[in-house]
PDB file of all heavy atoms in Angstrom:
ATOM      1  N   ALA A   1     -16.484 -12.364  13.345  1.00  0.00           N
ATOM      2  CA  ALA A   1     -16.079 -12.559  11.894  1.00  0.00           C
ATOM      3  C   ALA A   1     -17.068 -11.850  10.907  1.00  0.00           C
ATOM      4  O   ALA A   1     -16.617 -11.472   9.805  1.00  0.00           O
ATOM      5  CB  ALA A   1     -16.036 -14.018  11.631  1.00  0.00           C
ATOM      6  N   SER A   2     -18.251 -11.691  11.284  1.00  0.00           N
ATOM      7  CA  SER A   2     -19.289 -11.070  10.461  1.00  0.00           C
ATOM      8  C   SER A   2     -19.153  -9.508  10.489  1.00  0.00           C
ATOM      9  O   SER A   2     -19.958  -8.819   9.852  1.00  0.00           O
ATOM     10  CB  SER A   2     -20.711 -11.509  10.856  1.00  0.00           C
ATOM     11  OG  SER A   2     -20.800 -12.922  10.684  1.00  0.00           O
ATOM     12  N   GLY A   3     -18.297  -9.017  11.372  1.00  0.00           N
ATOM     13  CA  GLY A   3     -18.159  -7.550  11.448  1.00  0.00           C
ATOM     14  C   GLY A   3     -19.239  -6.916  12.321  1.00  0.00           C
ATOM     15  O   GLY A   3     -19.392  -5.653  12.222  1.00  0.00           O
ATOM     16  N   ASN A   4     -19.905  -7.695  13.189  1.00  0.00           N
ATOM     17  CA  ASN A   4     -21.019  -7.156  14.000  1.00  0.00           C
ATOM     18  C   ASN A   4     -20.614  -6.751  15.405  1.00  0.00           C
ATOM     19  O   ASN A   4     -21.397  -6.227  16.139  1.00  0.00           O
ATOM     20  CB  ASN A   4     -22.129  -8.112  14.001  1.00  0.00           C
ATOM     21  CG  ASN A   4     -22.783  -8.263  12.647  1.00  0.00           C
ATOM     22  OD1 ASN A   4     -22.839  -7.312  11.848  1.00  0.00           O
ATOM     23  ND2 ASN A   4     -23.328  -9.420  12.322  1.00  0.00           N
ATOM     24  N   VAL A   5     -19.382  -7.010  15.780  1.00  0.00           N
ATOM     25  CA  VAL A   5     -18.922  -6.623  17.186  1.00  0.00           C
ATOM     26  C   VAL A   5     -17.368  -6.498  17.053  1.00  0.00           C
ATOM     27  O   VAL A   5     -16.622  -7.220  16.380  1.00  0.00           O
ATOM     28  CB  VAL A   5     -19.318  -7.607  18.212  1.00  0.00           C
ATOM     29  CG1 VAL A   5     -18.562  -8.998  18.053  1.00  0.00           C
ATOM     30  CG2 VAL A   5     -19.108  -7.066  19.648  1.00  0.00           C
ATOM     31  N   ALA A   6     -16.863  -5.509  17.733  1.00  0.00           N
ATOM     32  CA  ALA A   6     -15.408  -5.303  17.895  1.00  0.00           C
ATOM     33  C   ALA A   6     -14.965  -5.980  19.100  1.00  0.00           C
ATOM     34  O   ALA A   6     -15.577  -5.944  20.154  1.00  0.00           O
ATOM     35  CB  ALA A   6     -15.033  -3.776  17.946  1.00  0.00           C
ATOM     36  N   ILE A   7     -13.774  -6.621  18.930  1.00  0.00           N
ATOM     37  CA  ILE A   7     -13.160  -7.355  20.132  1.00  0.00           C
ATOM     38  C   ILE A   7     -11.808  -6.710  20.404  1.00  0.00           C
ATOM     39  O   ILE A   7     -10.985  -6.572  19.544  1.00  0.00           O
ATOM     40  CB  ILE A   7     -12.961  -8.846  19.823  1.00  0.00           C
ATOM     41  CG1 ILE A   7     -14.288  -9.560  19.486  1.00  0.00           C
ATOM     42  CG2 ILE A   7     -12.300  -9.538  21.043  1.00  0.00           C
ATOM     43  CD1 ILE A   7     -15.303  -9.660  20.571  1.00  0.00           C
ATOM     44  N   VAL A   8     -11.611  -6.280  21.663  1.00  0.00           N
ATOM     45  CA  VAL A   8     -10.382  -5.680  22.122  1.00  0.00           C
ATOM     46  C   VAL A   8      -9.794  -6.588  23.153  1.00  0.00           C
ATOM     47  O   VAL A   8     -10.437  -6.912  24.139  1.00  0.00           O
ATOM     48  CB  VAL A   8     -10.749  -4.325  22.863  1.00  0.00           C
ATOM     49  CG1 VAL A   8      -9.531  -3.679  23.396  1.00  0.00           C
ATOM     50  CG2 VAL A   8     -11.374  -3.374  21.801  1.00  0.00           C
ATOM     51  N   ASN A   9      -8.522  -7.096  22.913  1.00  0.00           N
ATOM     52  CA  ASN A   9      -7.785  -7.085  21.687  1.00  0.00           C
ATOM     53  C   ASN A   9      -8.317  -8.165  20.747  1.00  0.00           C
ATOM     54  O   ASN A   9      -9.021  -9.074  21.187  1.00  0.00           O
ATOM     55  CB  ASN A   9      -6.313  -7.382  22.003  1.00  0.00           C
ATOM     56  CG  ASN A   9      -5.532  -6.131  22.497  1.00  0.00           C
ATOM     57  OD1 ASN A   9      -5.967  -5.014  22.230  1.00  0.00           O
ATOM     58  ND2 ASN A   9      -4.491  -6.413  23.228  1.00  0.00           N
ATOM     59  N   ALA A  10      -7.974  -8.117  19.432  1.00  0.00           N
ATOM     60  CA  ALA A  10      -8.516  -8.964  18.466  1.00  0.00           C
ATOM     61  C   ALA A  10      -8.139 -10.412  18.709  1.00  0.00           C
ATOM     62  O   ALA A  10      -7.136 -10.734  19.336  1.00  0.00           O
ATOM     63  CB  ALA A  10      -8.040  -8.577  17.057  1.00  0.00           C
ATOM     64  N   PHE A  11      -8.961 -11.353  18.165  1.00  0.00           N
ATOM     65  CA  PHE A  11      -8.569 -12.751  18.203  1.00  0.00           C
ATOM     66  C   PHE A  11      -7.326 -12.964  17.410  1.00  0.00           C
ATOM     67  O   PHE A  11      -7.108 -12.283  16.325  1.00  0.00           O
ATOM     68  CB  PHE A  11      -9.704 -13.579  17.581  1.00  0.00           C
ATOM     69  CG  PHE A  11     -10.917 -13.760  18.404  1.00  0.00           C
ATOM     70  CD1 PHE A  11     -12.070 -13.011  18.128  1.00  0.00           C
ATOM     71  CD2 PHE A  11     -10.955 -14.642  19.424  1.00  0.00           C
ATOM     72  CE1 PHE A  11     -13.212 -13.181  18.900  1.00  0.00           C
ATOM     73  CE2 PHE A  11     -12.107 -14.851  20.189  1.00  0.00           C
ATOM     74  CZ  PHE A  11     -13.251 -14.101  19.904  1.00  0.00           C
ATOM     75  N   GLY A  12      -6.491 -13.913  17.854  1.00  0.00           N
ATOM     76  CA  GLY A  12      -5.286 -14.243  17.085  1.00  0.00           C
ATOM     77  C   GLY A  12      -4.040 -13.427  17.286  1.00  0.00           C
ATOM     78  O   GLY A  12      -3.014 -13.665  16.619  1.00  0.00           O
ATOM     79  N   ASN A  13      -4.110 -12.527  18.215  1.00  0.00           N
ATOM     80  CA  ASN A  13      -2.900 -11.629  18.450  1.00  0.00           C
ATOM     81  C   ASN A  13      -1.736 -12.402  18.979  1.00  0.00           C
ATOM     82  O   ASN A  13      -0.613 -11.887  18.941  1.00  0.00           O
ATOM     83  CB  ASN A  13      -3.252 -10.496  19.423  1.00  0.00           C
ATOM     84  CG  ASN A  13      -3.873  -9.298  18.799  1.00  0.00           C
ATOM     85  OD1 ASN A  13      -4.251  -9.356  17.622  1.00  0.00           O
ATOM     86  ND2 ASN A  13      -3.950  -8.175  19.464  1.00  0.00           N
ATOM     87  N   GLY A  14      -1.987 -13.584  19.562  1.00  0.00           N
ATOM     88  CA  GLY A  14      -0.922 -14.341  20.148  1.00  0.00           C
ATOM     89  C   GLY A  14       0.263 -14.678  19.299  1.00  0.00           C
ATOM     90  O   GLY A  14       1.353 -14.824  19.723  1.00  0.00           O
ATOM     91  N   VAL A  15       0.009 -14.689  17.908  1.00  0.00           N
ATOM     92  CA  VAL A  15       1.088 -15.015  17.024  1.00  0.00           C
ATOM     93  C   VAL A  15       2.138 -13.886  17.014  1.00  0.00           C
ATOM     94  O   VAL A  15       3.264 -14.147  16.754  1.00  0.00           O
ATOM     95  CB  VAL A  15       0.524 -15.220  15.587  1.00  0.00           C
ATOM     96  CG1 VAL A  15      -0.013 -13.882  14.981  1.00  0.00           C
ATOM     97  CG2 VAL A  15       1.652 -15.776  14.665  1.00  0.00           C
ATOM     98  N   ALA A  16       1.737 -12.661  17.403  1.00  0.00           N
ATOM     99  CA  ALA A  16       2.699 -11.517  17.454  1.00  0.00           C
ATOM    100  C   ALA A  16       3.398 -11.330  18.803  1.00  0.00           C
ATOM    101  O   ALA A  16       4.388 -10.647  18.806  1.00  0.00           O
ATOM    102  CB  ALA A  16       1.959 -10.244  17.063  1.00  0.00           C
ATOM    103  N   ASP A  17       2.899 -11.908  19.861  1.00  0.00           N
ATOM    104  CA  ASP A  17       3.603 -11.775  21.103  1.00  0.00           C
ATOM    105  C   ASP A  17       4.270 -13.088  21.519  1.00  0.00           C
ATOM    106  O   ASP A  17       4.724 -13.266  22.634  1.00  0.00           O
ATOM    107  CB  ASP A  17       2.781 -11.166  22.191  1.00  0.00           C
ATOM    108  CG  ASP A  17       1.622 -12.020  22.803  1.00  0.00           C
ATOM    109  OD1 ASP A  17       1.623 -13.233  22.477  1.00  0.00           O
ATOM    110  OD2 ASP A  17       0.907 -11.565  23.603  1.00  0.00           O
ATOM    111  N   ASP A  18       4.317 -14.034  20.577  1.00  0.00           N
ATOM    112  CA  ASP A  18       5.084 -15.223  20.758  1.00  0.00           C
ATOM    113  C   ASP A  18       6.583 -14.768  21.024  1.00  0.00           C
ATOM    114  O   ASP A  18       7.072 -13.908  20.315  1.00  0.00           O
ATOM    115  CB  ASP A  18       5.028 -16.047  19.469  1.00  0.00           C
ATOM    116  CG  ASP A  18       5.785 -17.321  19.490  1.00  0.00           C
ATOM    117  OD1 ASP A  18       7.017 -17.282  19.771  1.00  0.00           O
ATOM    118  OD2 ASP A  18       5.217 -18.364  19.247  1.00  0.00           O
ATOM    119  N   LYS A  19       7.192 -15.367  21.999  1.00  0.00           N
ATOM    120  CA  LYS A  19       8.554 -14.938  22.333  1.00  0.00           C
ATOM    121  C   LYS A  19       9.553 -15.198  21.192  1.00  0.00           C
ATOM    122  O   LYS A  19      10.606 -14.550  21.159  1.00  0.00           O
ATOM    123  CB  LYS A  19       9.032 -15.546  23.684  1.00  0.00           C
ATOM    124  CG  LYS A  19       8.305 -15.088  24.923  1.00  0.00           C
ATOM    125  CD  LYS A  19       8.912 -15.714  26.130  1.00  0.00           C
ATOM    126  CE  LYS A  19       8.308 -15.173  27.411  1.00  0.00           C
ATOM    127  NZ  LYS A  19       6.831 -15.410  27.539  1.00  0.00           N
ATOM    128  N   GLY A  20       9.197 -16.136  20.332  1.00  0.00           N
ATOM    129  CA  GLY A  20      10.050 -16.327  19.220  1.00  0.00           C
ATOM    130  C   GLY A  20       9.856 -15.287  18.093  1.00  0.00           C
ATOM    131  O   GLY A  20      10.855 -14.805  17.567  1.00  0.00           O
ATOM    132  N   ILE A  21       8.653 -14.846  17.907  1.00  0.00           N
ATOM    133  CA  ILE A  21       8.332 -13.814  16.924  1.00  0.00           C
ATOM    134  C   ILE A  21       8.997 -12.491  17.326  1.00  0.00           C
ATOM    135  O   ILE A  21       9.345 -11.656  16.533  1.00  0.00           O
ATOM    136  CB  ILE A  21       6.812 -13.639  16.724  1.00  0.00           C
ATOM    137  CG1 ILE A  21       6.263 -14.878  16.003  1.00  0.00           C
ATOM    138  CG2 ILE A  21       6.484 -12.395  15.921  1.00  0.00           C
ATOM    139  CD1 ILE A  21       6.664 -15.046  14.629  1.00  0.00           C
ATOM    140  N   TYR A  22       9.101 -12.305  18.644  1.00  0.00           N
ATOM    141  CA  TYR A  22       9.817 -11.099  19.208  1.00  0.00           C
ATOM    142  C   TYR A  22      11.155 -10.831  18.500  1.00  0.00           C
ATOM    143  O   TYR A  22      11.473  -9.698  18.222  1.00  0.00           O
ATOM    144  CB  TYR A  22      10.019 -11.390  20.691  1.00  0.00           C
ATOM    145  CG  TYR A  22      11.093 -10.535  21.357  1.00  0.00           C
ATOM    146  CD1 TYR A  22      10.841  -9.380  22.025  1.00  0.00           C
ATOM    147  CD2 TYR A  22      12.404 -11.086  21.398  1.00  0.00           C
ATOM    148  CE1 TYR A  22      11.805  -8.656  22.687  1.00  0.00           C
ATOM    149  CE2 TYR A  22      13.403 -10.268  22.034  1.00  0.00           C
ATOM    150  CZ  TYR A  22      13.138  -9.143  22.649  1.00  0.00           C
ATOM    151  OH  TYR A  22      14.117  -8.434  23.322  1.00  0.00           O
ATOM    152  N   TYR A  23      11.890 -11.905  18.125  1.00  0.00           N
ATOM    153  CA  TYR A  23      13.140 -11.789  17.492  1.00  0.00           C
ATOM    154  C   TYR A  23      13.043 -10.955  16.169  1.00  0.00           C
ATOM    155  O   TYR A  23      14.057 -10.294  15.762  1.00  0.00           O
ATOM    156  CB  TYR A  23      13.629 -13.248  17.178  1.00  0.00           C
ATOM    157  CG  TYR A  23      14.823 -13.373  16.403  1.00  0.00           C
ATOM    158  CD1 TYR A  23      16.079 -13.475  16.993  1.00  0.00           C
ATOM    159  CD2 TYR A  23      14.870 -13.487  14.975  1.00  0.00           C
ATOM    160  CE1 TYR A  23      17.280 -13.614  16.246  1.00  0.00           C
ATOM    161  CE2 TYR A  23      15.991 -13.616  14.222  1.00  0.00           C
ATOM    162  CZ  TYR A  23      17.201 -13.737  14.877  1.00  0.00           C
ATOM    163  OH  TYR A  23      18.307 -13.878  14.108  1.00  0.00           O
ATOM    164  N   PHE A  24      11.932 -11.078  15.524  1.00  0.00           N
ATOM    165  CA  PHE A  24      11.786 -10.495  14.186  1.00  0.00           C
ATOM    166  C   PHE A  24      11.169  -9.018  14.253  1.00  0.00           C
ATOM    167  O   PHE A  24      11.038  -8.419  13.195  1.00  0.00           O
ATOM    168  CB  PHE A  24      10.857 -11.343  13.297  1.00  0.00           C
ATOM    169  CG  PHE A  24      11.389 -12.728  13.051  1.00  0.00           C
ATOM    170  CD1 PHE A  24      10.978 -13.736  13.849  1.00  0.00           C
ATOM    171  CD2 PHE A  24      12.378 -12.909  12.121  1.00  0.00           C
ATOM    172  CE1 PHE A  24      11.435 -15.059  13.622  1.00  0.00           C
ATOM    173  CE2 PHE A  24      12.858 -14.195  11.885  1.00  0.00           C
ATOM    174  CZ  PHE A  24      12.379 -15.266  12.659  1.00  0.00           C
ATOM    175  N   VAL A  25      10.806  -8.513  15.449  1.00  0.00           N
ATOM    176  CA  VAL A  25      10.177  -7.183  15.438  1.00  0.00           C
ATOM    177  C   VAL A  25      11.000  -6.059  14.916  1.00  0.00           C
ATOM    178  O   VAL A  25      10.492  -5.257  14.106  1.00  0.00           O
ATOM    179  CB  VAL A  25       9.650  -6.901  16.902  1.00  0.00           C
ATOM    180  CG1 VAL A  25       9.043  -5.483  16.919  1.00  0.00           C
ATOM    181  CG2 VAL A  25       8.683  -7.933  17.402  1.00  0.00           C
ATOM    182  N   PRO A  26      12.292  -6.002  15.112  1.00  0.00           N
ATOM    183  CA  PRO A  26      13.089  -4.935  14.474  1.00  0.00           C
ATOM    184  C   PRO A  26      13.035  -5.026  13.011  1.00  0.00           C
ATOM    185  O   PRO A  26      13.000  -4.005  12.335  1.00  0.00           O
ATOM    186  CB  PRO A  26      14.567  -5.149  14.985  1.00  0.00           C
ATOM    187  CG  PRO A  26      14.339  -5.852  16.414  1.00  0.00           C
ATOM    188  CD  PRO A  26      13.077  -6.750  16.184  1.00  0.00           C
ATOM    189  N   LYS A  27      12.959  -6.266  12.421  1.00  0.00           N
ATOM    190  CA  LYS A  27      12.871  -6.460  10.976  1.00  0.00           C
ATOM    191  C   LYS A  27      11.490  -5.990  10.501  1.00  0.00           C
ATOM    192  O   LYS A  27      11.376  -5.430   9.438  1.00  0.00           O
ATOM    193  CB  LYS A  27      13.084  -7.925  10.608  1.00  0.00           C
ATOM    194  CG  LYS A  27      14.482  -8.386  10.933  1.00  0.00           C
ATOM    195  CD  LYS A  27      14.677  -9.845  10.442  1.00  0.00           C
ATOM    196  CE  LYS A  27      16.110 -10.321  10.738  1.00  0.00           C
ATOM    197  NZ  LYS A  27      16.363 -11.669  10.214  1.00  0.00           N
ATOM    198  N   MET A  28      10.422  -6.202  11.349  1.00  0.00           N
ATOM    199  CA  MET A  28       9.087  -5.723  11.004  1.00  0.00           C
ATOM    200  C   MET A  28       9.099  -4.176  10.899  1.00  0.00           C
ATOM    201  O   MET A  28       8.455  -3.603   9.996  1.00  0.00           O
ATOM    202  CB  MET A  28       8.081  -6.113  12.095  1.00  0.00           C
ATOM    203  CG  MET A  28       7.827  -7.574  12.151  1.00  0.00           C
ATOM    204  SD  MET A  28       6.642  -7.855  13.541  1.00  0.00           S
ATOM    205  CE  MET A  28       6.941  -9.616  13.799  1.00  0.00           C
ATOM    206  N   VAL A  29       9.771  -3.493  11.810  1.00  0.00           N
ATOM    207  CA  VAL A  29       9.836  -2.031  11.726  1.00  0.00           C
ATOM    208  C   VAL A  29      10.428  -1.541  10.452  1.00  0.00           C
ATOM    209  O   VAL A  29       9.852  -0.658   9.695  1.00  0.00           O
ATOM    210  CB  VAL A  29      10.656  -1.498  12.972  1.00  0.00           C
ATOM    211  CG1 VAL A  29      10.846  -0.039  12.809  1.00  0.00           C
ATOM    212  CG2 VAL A  29       9.948  -1.760  14.310  1.00  0.00           C
ATOM    213  N   ARG A  30      11.542  -2.166  10.087  1.00  0.00           N
ATOM    214  CA  ARG A  30      12.163  -1.828   8.776  1.00  0.00           C
ATOM    215  C   ARG A  30      11.274  -2.186   7.610  1.00  0.00           C
ATOM    216  O   ARG A  30      11.148  -1.410   6.648  1.00  0.00           O
ATOM    217  CB  ARG A  30      13.534  -2.507   8.587  1.00  0.00           C
ATOM    218  CG  ARG A  30      14.549  -2.175   9.718  1.00  0.00           C
ATOM    219  CD  ARG A  30      15.890  -2.788   9.458  1.00  0.00           C
ATOM    220  NE  ARG A  30      16.822  -2.514  10.574  1.00  0.00           N
ATOM    221  CZ  ARG A  30      17.059  -3.368  11.522  1.00  0.00           C
ATOM    222  NH1 ARG A  30      16.493  -4.575  11.545  1.00  0.00           N
ATOM    223  NH2 ARG A  30      17.884  -3.031  12.557  1.00  0.00           N
ATOM    224  N   TYR A  31      10.621  -3.352   7.664  1.00  0.00           N
ATOM    225  CA  TYR A  31       9.884  -3.826   6.522  1.00  0.00           C
ATOM    226  C   TYR A  31       8.557  -3.063   6.321  1.00  0.00           C
ATOM    227  O   TYR A  31       8.240  -2.637   5.159  1.00  0.00           O
ATOM    228  CB  TYR A  31       9.483  -5.357   6.846  1.00  0.00           C
ATOM    229  CG  TYR A  31       8.760  -6.049   5.658  1.00  0.00           C
ATOM    230  CD1 TYR A  31       9.451  -6.399   4.476  1.00  0.00           C
ATOM    231  CD2 TYR A  31       7.362  -6.251   5.736  1.00  0.00           C
ATOM    232  CE1 TYR A  31       8.719  -7.054   3.425  1.00  0.00           C
ATOM    233  CE2 TYR A  31       6.681  -6.837   4.732  1.00  0.00           C
ATOM    234  CZ  TYR A  31       7.397  -7.248   3.580  1.00  0.00           C
ATOM    235  OH  TYR A  31       6.675  -7.878   2.528  1.00  0.00           O
ATOM    236  N   TYR A  32       7.799  -2.859   7.374  1.00  0.00           N
ATOM    237  CA  TYR A  32       6.559  -2.209   7.207  1.00  0.00           C
ATOM    238  C   TYR A  32       6.599  -0.659   7.280  1.00  0.00           C
ATOM    239  O   TYR A  32       5.764   0.024   6.559  1.00  0.00           O
ATOM    240  CB  TYR A  32       5.539  -2.638   8.359  1.00  0.00           C
ATOM    241  CG  TYR A  32       5.151  -4.113   8.261  1.00  0.00           C
ATOM    242  CD1 TYR A  32       5.554  -4.991   9.243  1.00  0.00           C
ATOM    243  CD2 TYR A  32       4.455  -4.616   7.076  1.00  0.00           C
ATOM    244  CE1 TYR A  32       5.167  -6.309   9.131  1.00  0.00           C
ATOM    245  CE2 TYR A  32       4.042  -5.943   7.017  1.00  0.00           C
ATOM    246  CZ  TYR A  32       4.450  -6.795   8.042  1.00  0.00           C
ATOM    247  OH  TYR A  32       4.092  -8.136   7.982  1.00  0.00           O
ATOM    248  N   LEU A  33       7.516  -0.122   8.070  1.00  0.00           N
ATOM    249  CA  LEU A  33       7.562   1.310   8.197  1.00  0.00           C
ATOM    250  C   LEU A  33       8.712   1.991   7.492  1.00  0.00           C
ATOM    251  O   LEU A  33       8.693   3.221   7.335  1.00  0.00           O
ATOM    252  CB  LEU A  33       7.674   1.641   9.729  1.00  0.00           C
ATOM    253  CG  LEU A  33       6.582   1.001  10.634  1.00  0.00           C
ATOM    254  CD1 LEU A  33       6.852   1.516  12.088  1.00  0.00           C
ATOM    255  CD2 LEU A  33       5.218   1.382  10.149  1.00  0.00           C
ATOM    256  N   GLY A  34       9.650   1.182   7.014  1.00  0.00           N
ATOM    257  CA  GLY A  34      10.833   1.806   6.345  1.00  0.00           C
ATOM    258  C   GLY A  34      11.647   2.640   7.202  1.00  0.00           C
ATOM    259  O   GLY A  34      12.280   3.640   6.788  1.00  0.00           O
ATOM    260  N   GLU A  35      11.665   2.302   8.536  1.00  0.00           N
ATOM    261  CA  GLU A  35      12.418   3.126   9.526  1.00  0.00           C
ATOM    262  C   GLU A  35      13.455   2.186  10.321  1.00  0.00           C
ATOM    263  O   GLU A  35      13.206   0.968  10.349  1.00  0.00           O
ATOM    264  CB  GLU A  35      11.462   3.737  10.562  1.00  0.00           C
ATOM    265  CG  GLU A  35      10.476   4.672   9.929  1.00  0.00           C
ATOM    266  CD  GLU A  35       9.358   5.079  10.842  1.00  0.00           C
ATOM    267  OE1 GLU A  35       9.306   4.637  12.043  1.00  0.00           O
ATOM    268  OE2 GLU A  35       8.467   5.870  10.462  1.00  0.00           O
ATOM    269  N   GLU A  36      14.374   2.823  10.899  1.00  0.00           N
ATOM    270  CA  GLU A  36      15.280   2.048  11.832  1.00  0.00           C
ATOM    271  C   GLU A  36      14.601   1.979  13.209  1.00  0.00           C
ATOM    272  O   GLU A  36      13.995   2.927  13.664  1.00  0.00           O
ATOM    273  CB  GLU A  36      16.641   2.759  11.941  1.00  0.00           C
ATOM    274  CG  GLU A  36      17.558   2.375  10.830  1.00  0.00           C
ATOM    275  CD  GLU A  36      17.808   0.906  10.589  1.00  0.00           C
ATOM    276  OE1 GLU A  36      18.249   0.243  11.615  1.00  0.00           O
ATOM    277  OE2 GLU A  36      17.617   0.410   9.511  1.00  0.00           O
ATOM    278  N   PRO A  37      14.656   0.784  13.867  1.00  0.00           N
ATOM    279  CA  PRO A  37      14.027   0.652  15.186  1.00  0.00           C
ATOM    280  C   PRO A  37      14.657   1.626  16.185  1.00  0.00           C
ATOM    281  O   PRO A  37      15.880   1.787  16.266  1.00  0.00           O
ATOM    282  CB  PRO A  37      14.329  -0.775  15.560  1.00  0.00           C
ATOM    283  CG  PRO A  37      14.661  -1.415  14.281  1.00  0.00           C
ATOM    284  CD  PRO A  37      15.267  -0.474  13.388  1.00  0.00           C
ATOM    285  N   ILE A  38      13.774   2.305  16.930  1.00  0.00           N
ATOM    286  CA  ILE A  38      14.192   3.239  17.968  1.00  0.00           C
ATOM    287  C   ILE A  38      14.599   2.440  19.254  1.00  0.00           C
ATOM    288  O   ILE A  38      15.618   2.713  19.904  1.00  0.00           O
ATOM    289  CB  ILE A  38      13.126   4.323  18.249  1.00  0.00           C
ATOM    290  CG1 ILE A  38      12.943   5.106  16.994  1.00  0.00           C
ATOM    291  CG2 ILE A  38      13.523   5.172  19.430  1.00  0.00           C
ATOM    292  CD1 ILE A  38      11.656   5.989  17.068  1.00  0.00           C
ATOM    293  N   LEU A  39      13.755   1.449  19.607  1.00  0.00           N
ATOM    294  CA  LEU A  39      14.029   0.648  20.759  1.00  0.00           C
ATOM    295  C   LEU A  39      14.699  -0.632  20.396  1.00  0.00           C
ATOM    296  O   LEU A  39      14.475  -1.258  19.329  1.00  0.00           O
ATOM    297  CB  LEU A  39      12.681   0.272  21.447  1.00  0.00           C
ATOM    298  CG  LEU A  39      11.926   1.488  22.016  1.00  0.00           C
ATOM    299  CD1 LEU A  39      10.560   1.051  22.593  1.00  0.00           C
ATOM    300  CD2 LEU A  39      12.728   2.136  23.173  1.00  0.00           C
ATOM    301  N   LYS A  40      15.618  -1.063  21.241  1.00  0.00           N
ATOM    302  CA  LYS A  40      16.424  -2.256  21.020  1.00  0.00           C
ATOM    303  C   LYS A  40      15.665  -3.479  21.569  1.00  0.00           C
ATOM    304  O   LYS A  40      14.985  -3.439  22.613  1.00  0.00           O
ATOM    305  CB  LYS A  40      17.803  -2.161  21.714  1.00  0.00           C
ATOM    306  CG  LYS A  40      18.572  -0.987  21.228  1.00  0.00           C
ATOM    307  CD  LYS A  40      19.903  -0.889  21.996  1.00  0.00           C
ATOM    308  CE  LYS A  40      20.771   0.315  21.574  1.00  0.00           C
ATOM    309  NZ  LYS A  40      21.985   0.405  22.335  1.00  0.00           N
ATOM    310  N   ASN A  41      15.887  -4.616  20.945  1.00  0.00           N
ATOM    311  CA  ASN A  41      15.587  -5.926  21.515  1.00  0.00           C
ATOM    312  C   ASN A  41      16.773  -6.310  22.403  1.00  0.00           C
ATOM    313  O   ASN A  41      17.938  -5.911  22.115  1.00  0.00           O
ATOM    314  CB  ASN A  41      15.422  -7.023  20.424  1.00  0.00           C
ATOM    315  CG  ASN A  41      14.014  -7.134  19.933  1.00  0.00           C
ATOM    316  OD1 ASN A  41      13.195  -6.303  20.228  1.00  0.00           O
ATOM    317  ND2 ASN A  41      13.743  -8.226  19.231  1.00  0.00           N
ATOM    318  N   ALA A  42      16.500  -7.140  23.413  1.00  0.00           N
ATOM    319  CA  ALA A  42      17.649  -7.821  24.075  1.00  0.00           C
ATOM    320  C   ALA A  42      18.330  -8.721  23.060  1.00  0.00           C
ATOM    321  O   ALA A  42      17.669  -9.269  22.174  1.00  0.00           O
ATOM    322  CB  ALA A  42      17.122  -8.606  25.272  1.00  0.00           C
TER     323      ALA A  42
END
């Protein structure tokens, strides 16, 4: 937290690979990148 060491992968990433959050990834692509998703979700 003090910026004195890098952690790979970062703490807290689990919120983004939650299987429920997966549902929103195509929306994230449009929201953050302004692009249509190339890969499909099931």
